[in-house]
Amino acid sequence: MLVVWILLAVVVLLGIYVWVTYNGLVGLRNRIENAWAQIDVQLKRRYDLIPNLVETVKGYATHERETLDAVIQARNTAMAASGPQEQGQAENMISGALKSVFALSEAYPDLKANQIFLNLQEELTGTEGRIAYARQFYNDSVLRYNTKIQSFPANALASRIRFLESEYFEFDEQARGTVQVDFGTGGAAPAAPA
């Protein structure tokens, strides 16, 4: 009779362990999905600002067509990207293209003084900060989740019920510095990577 109670206790404890572990993994996976949604919101905000910036620059820098086309092409590529790795590569292209546009303001003093351009530049700078924060939160969530599914004994359960590792959302830090707004004589310049 004692053996039956011991076996029953082991089965109940094992069931509780599976239940708690499964729910914990689901919670971590949902946190990653939520964090990715937050990144997506900020990226869409960035994409919405880019056409306004390009139109403003067109009015002042009409013969800089290649630079402006590169920004729009980078935006379109980024909007079509899927998954953290592909999205990170596309965001590198946008960052490089935006740096070129902001560098144009040095060659066009009227553009550099245009309030709409300055406002858009400031909005993009703020959005870059929000993207960086959302990216950090996402990557922290991925770290927790990946650690959990790789750790014993949760890894035995995770592999059986198809909890797969998630990708980090990474940028090339060389291509990616936030754009600093300088309303004085310095203009826009890339900052050191965060």
Protein backbone atom coordinates (compact mmCIF):
# COMPACT_ATOMS: atom_id res chain seq x y z
CA MET A 1 0.00 0.00 0.00
CA LEU A 2 2.87 2.37 0.81
CA VAL A 3 4.44 1.70 -2.60
CA VAL A 4 1.18 2.70 -4.32
CA TRP A 5 1.09 6.00 -2.40
CA ILE A 6 4.74 6.68 -3.26
CA LEU A 7 4.12 5.94 -6.94
CA LEU A 8 1.01 8.13 -6.89
CA ALA A 9 2.98 10.96 -5.27
CA VAL A 10 5.74 10.63 -7.90
CA VAL A 11 3.18 10.70 -10.72
CA VAL A 12 1.45 13.76 -9.23
CA LEU A 13 4.77 15.57 -8.73
CA LEU A 14 5.86 14.70 -12.27
CA GLY A 15 2.52 15.97 -13.59
CA ILE A 16 2.89 19.21 -11.66
CA TYR A 17 6.44 19.61 -12.97
CA VAL A 18 5.32 19.07 -16.59
CA TRP A 19 2.41 21.47 -16.12
CA VAL A 20 4.53 24.22 -14.55
CA THR A 21 7.38 23.79 -17.04
CA TYR A 22 5.06 23.78 -20.05
CA ASN A 23 3.20 26.87 -18.86
CA GLY A 24 6.52 28.60 -18.14
CA LEU A 25 7.78 27.86 -21.66
CA VAL A 26 4.52 29.09 -23.18
CA GLY A 27 4.78 32.28 -21.12
CA LEU A 28 8.36 32.89 -22.27
CA ARG A 29 7.46 32.20 -25.91
CA ASN A 30 4.53 34.63 -25.68
CA ARG A 31 6.80 37.24 -24.13
CA ILE A 32 9.09 36.94 -27.17
CA GLU A 33 6.13 37.34 -29.52
CA ASN A 34 4.99 40.41 -27.60
CA ALA A 35 8.51 41.87 -27.65
CA TRP A 36 8.70 41.32 -31.41
CA ALA A 37 5.35 43.08 -31.81
CA GLN A 38 6.79 46.07 -29.95
CA ILE A 39 9.77 46.16 -32.30
CA ASP A 40 7.39 45.93 -35.24
CA VAL A 41 5.42 48.95 -33.99
CA GLN A 42 8.58 51.05 -33.80
CA LEU A 43 9.83 49.86 -37.18
CA LYS A 44 6.49 50.77 -38.78
CA ARG A 45 6.73 54.20 -37.18
CA ARG A 46 10.19 54.55 -38.73
CA TYR A 47 8.88 53.41 -42.12
CA ASP A 48 6.07 55.96 -41.97
CA LEU A 49 8.50 58.80 -41.28
CA ILE A 50 10.89 57.96 -44.12
CA PRO A 51 8.68 59.03 -47.08
CA ASN A 52 8.04 62.39 -45.39
CA LEU A 53 11.76 62.87 -44.90
CA VAL A 54 12.47 61.97 -48.52
CA GLU A 55 9.82 64.38 -49.81
CA THR A 56 11.20 67.18 -47.67
CA VAL A 57 14.75 66.56 -48.90
CA LYS A 58 13.56 66.36 -52.54
CA GLY A 59 12.47 69.98 -52.36
CA TYR A 60 15.99 71.11 -51.53
CA ALA A 61 18.27 68.46 -53.03
CA THR A 62 16.69 67.72 -56.40
CA HIS A 63 19.85 66.26 -57.96
CA GLU A 64 20.43 63.79 -55.08
CA ARG A 65 18.06 61.28 -56.62
CA GLU A 66 20.31 58.24 -56.07
CA THR A 67 20.56 58.88 -52.33
CA LEU A 68 16.80 59.33 -51.99
CA ASP A 69 16.05 56.27 -54.11
CA ALA A 70 18.41 54.23 -51.91
CA VAL A 71 16.42 55.25 -48.83
CA ILE A 72 13.10 54.25 -50.38
CA GLN A 73 14.56 50.97 -51.66
CA ALA A 74 15.97 50.18 -48.21
CA ARG A 75 12.59 50.98 -46.63
CA ASN A 76 10.76 48.70 -49.07
CA THR A 77 13.24 45.88 -48.45
CA ALA A 78 12.85 46.26 -44.69
CA MET A 79 9.06 46.25 -44.91
CA ALA A 80 9.21 42.94 -46.80
CA ALA A 81 11.71 41.32 -44.41
CA SER A 82 10.62 38.51 -42.15
CA GLY A 83 12.29 37.09 -39.08
CA PRO A 84 14.86 38.70 -36.83
CA GLN A 85 17.93 37.92 -38.94
CA GLU A 86 16.50 39.18 -42.24
CA GLN A 87 14.96 42.19 -40.48
CA GLY A 88 18.31 43.07 -38.88
CA GLN A 89 20.05 43.05 -42.26
CA ALA A 90 17.33 45.22 -43.77
CA GLU A 91 17.53 47.67 -40.88
CA ASN A 92 21.28 48.01 -41.48
CA MET A 93 20.49 49.12 -45.03
CA ILE A 94 18.00 51.72 -43.77
CA SER A 95 20.45 53.06 -41.21
CA GLY A 96 23.15 53.52 -43.82
CA ALA A 97 20.74 55.18 -46.24
CA LEU A 98 19.41 57.54 -43.56
CA LYS A 99 22.94 58.56 -42.62
CA SER A 100 23.45 59.59 -46.26
CA VAL A 101 20.27 61.68 -46.22
CA PHE A 102 21.24 63.42 -43.01
CA ALA A 103 24.68 64.08 -44.43
CA LEU A 104 22.97 65.91 -47.33
CA SER A 105 21.81 68.59 -44.92
CA GLU A 106 25.42 69.75 -44.65
CA ALA A 107 25.51 70.48 -48.38
CA TYR A 108 22.14 72.27 -48.36
CA PRO A 109 21.98 75.01 -45.70
CA ASP A 110 18.33 75.77 -46.50
CA LEU A 111 17.45 72.11 -45.88
CA LYS A 112 19.45 72.12 -42.67
CA ALA A 113 17.40 75.10 -41.47
CA ASN A 114 14.02 73.70 -42.58
CA GLN A 115 11.80 73.13 -39.54
CA ILE A 116 9.99 70.16 -41.12
CA PHE A 117 13.31 68.46 -41.84
CA LEU A 118 14.54 69.14 -38.32
CA ASN A 119 11.30 67.79 -36.83
CA LEU A 120 11.49 64.63 -38.95
CA GLN A 121 15.13 64.21 -38.02
CA GLU A 122 14.24 64.51 -34.34
CA GLU A 123 11.33 62.07 -34.70
CA LEU A 124 13.60 59.53 -36.39
CA THR A 125 16.21 59.95 -33.68
CA GLY A 126 13.58 59.31 -31.00
CA THR A 127 12.29 56.31 -32.92
CA GLU A 128 15.82 54.90 -33.16
CA GLY A 129 16.02 55.05 -29.36
CA ARG A 130 12.69 53.25 -29.00
CA ILE A 131 13.82 50.59 -31.49
CA ALA A 132 17.02 50.08 -29.49
CA TYR A 133 15.04 49.68 -26.25
CA ALA A 134 12.53 47.28 -27.85
CA ARG A 135 15.39 45.31 -29.40
CA GLN A 136 17.08 44.97 -26.00
CA PHE A 137 13.84 43.78 -24.38
CA TYR A 138 13.28 41.28 -27.20
CA ASN A 139 16.83 39.92 -26.98
CA ASP A 140 16.57 39.65 -23.18
CA SER A 141 13.34 37.68 -23.61
CA VAL A 142 15.00 35.40 -26.18
CA LEU A 143 17.90 34.85 -23.78
CA ARG A 144 15.57 33.77 -20.95
CA TYR A 145 13.57 31.49 -23.26
CA ASN A 146 16.61 29.89 -24.93
CA THR A 147 18.28 29.35 -21.55
CA LYS A 148 15.14 27.67 -20.22
CA ILE A 149 14.75 25.28 -23.16
CA GLN A 150 18.45 24.37 -23.04
CA SER A 151 18.61 23.80 -19.27
CA PHE A 152 18.13 20.45 -17.62
CA PRO A 153 15.54 19.08 -16.94
CA ALA A 154 13.31 21.47 -18.94
CA ASN A 155 15.25 20.64 -22.13
CA ALA A 156 13.86 17.08 -22.11
CA LEU A 157 10.30 18.38 -22.13
CA ALA A 158 11.01 21.30 -24.51
CA SER A 159 12.52 19.08 -27.19
CA ARG A 160 9.60 16.65 -27.04
CA ILE A 161 6.94 19.32 -27.45
CA ARG A 162 8.79 21.34 -30.09
CA PHE A 163 9.88 24.43 -28.25
CA LEU A 164 12.61 25.62 -30.61
CA GLU A 165 15.30 28.22 -30.00
CA SER A 166 14.46 31.78 -31.02
CA GLU A 167 16.75 34.07 -33.00
CA TYR A 168 18.19 37.26 -31.59
CA PHE A 169 17.45 40.52 -33.36
CA GLU A 170 20.89 41.84 -34.17
CA PHE A 171 22.20 44.76 -36.16
CA ASP A 172 25.64 45.25 -37.59
CA GLU A 173 26.97 47.72 -35.03
CA GLN A 174 29.29 49.36 -37.57
CA ALA A 175 26.42 50.21 -39.92
CA ARG A 176 24.13 51.09 -37.13
CA GLY A 177 24.87 54.20 -35.07
CA THR A 178 22.01 56.30 -33.92
CA VAL A 179 21.70 59.58 -35.72
CA GLN A 180 22.49 62.50 -33.45
CA VAL A 181 20.65 65.73 -34.09
CA ASP A 182 22.83 68.82 -33.88
CA PHE A 183 20.88 72.02 -34.37
CA GLY A 184 24.06 74.06 -34.36
CA THR A 185 26.68 74.07 -37.06
CA GLY A 186 27.56 70.39 -36.76
CA GLY A 187 24.56 68.88 -38.54
CA ALA A 188 23.68 65.22 -38.27
CA ALA A 189 26.38 62.76 -37.56
CA PRO A 190 26.42 59.12 -36.65
CA ALA A 191 26.98 58.41 -33.00
CA ALA A 192 28.94 55.61 -31.47
CA PRO A 193 26.94 52.38 -31.43
CA ALA A 194 24.87 51.78 -28.31
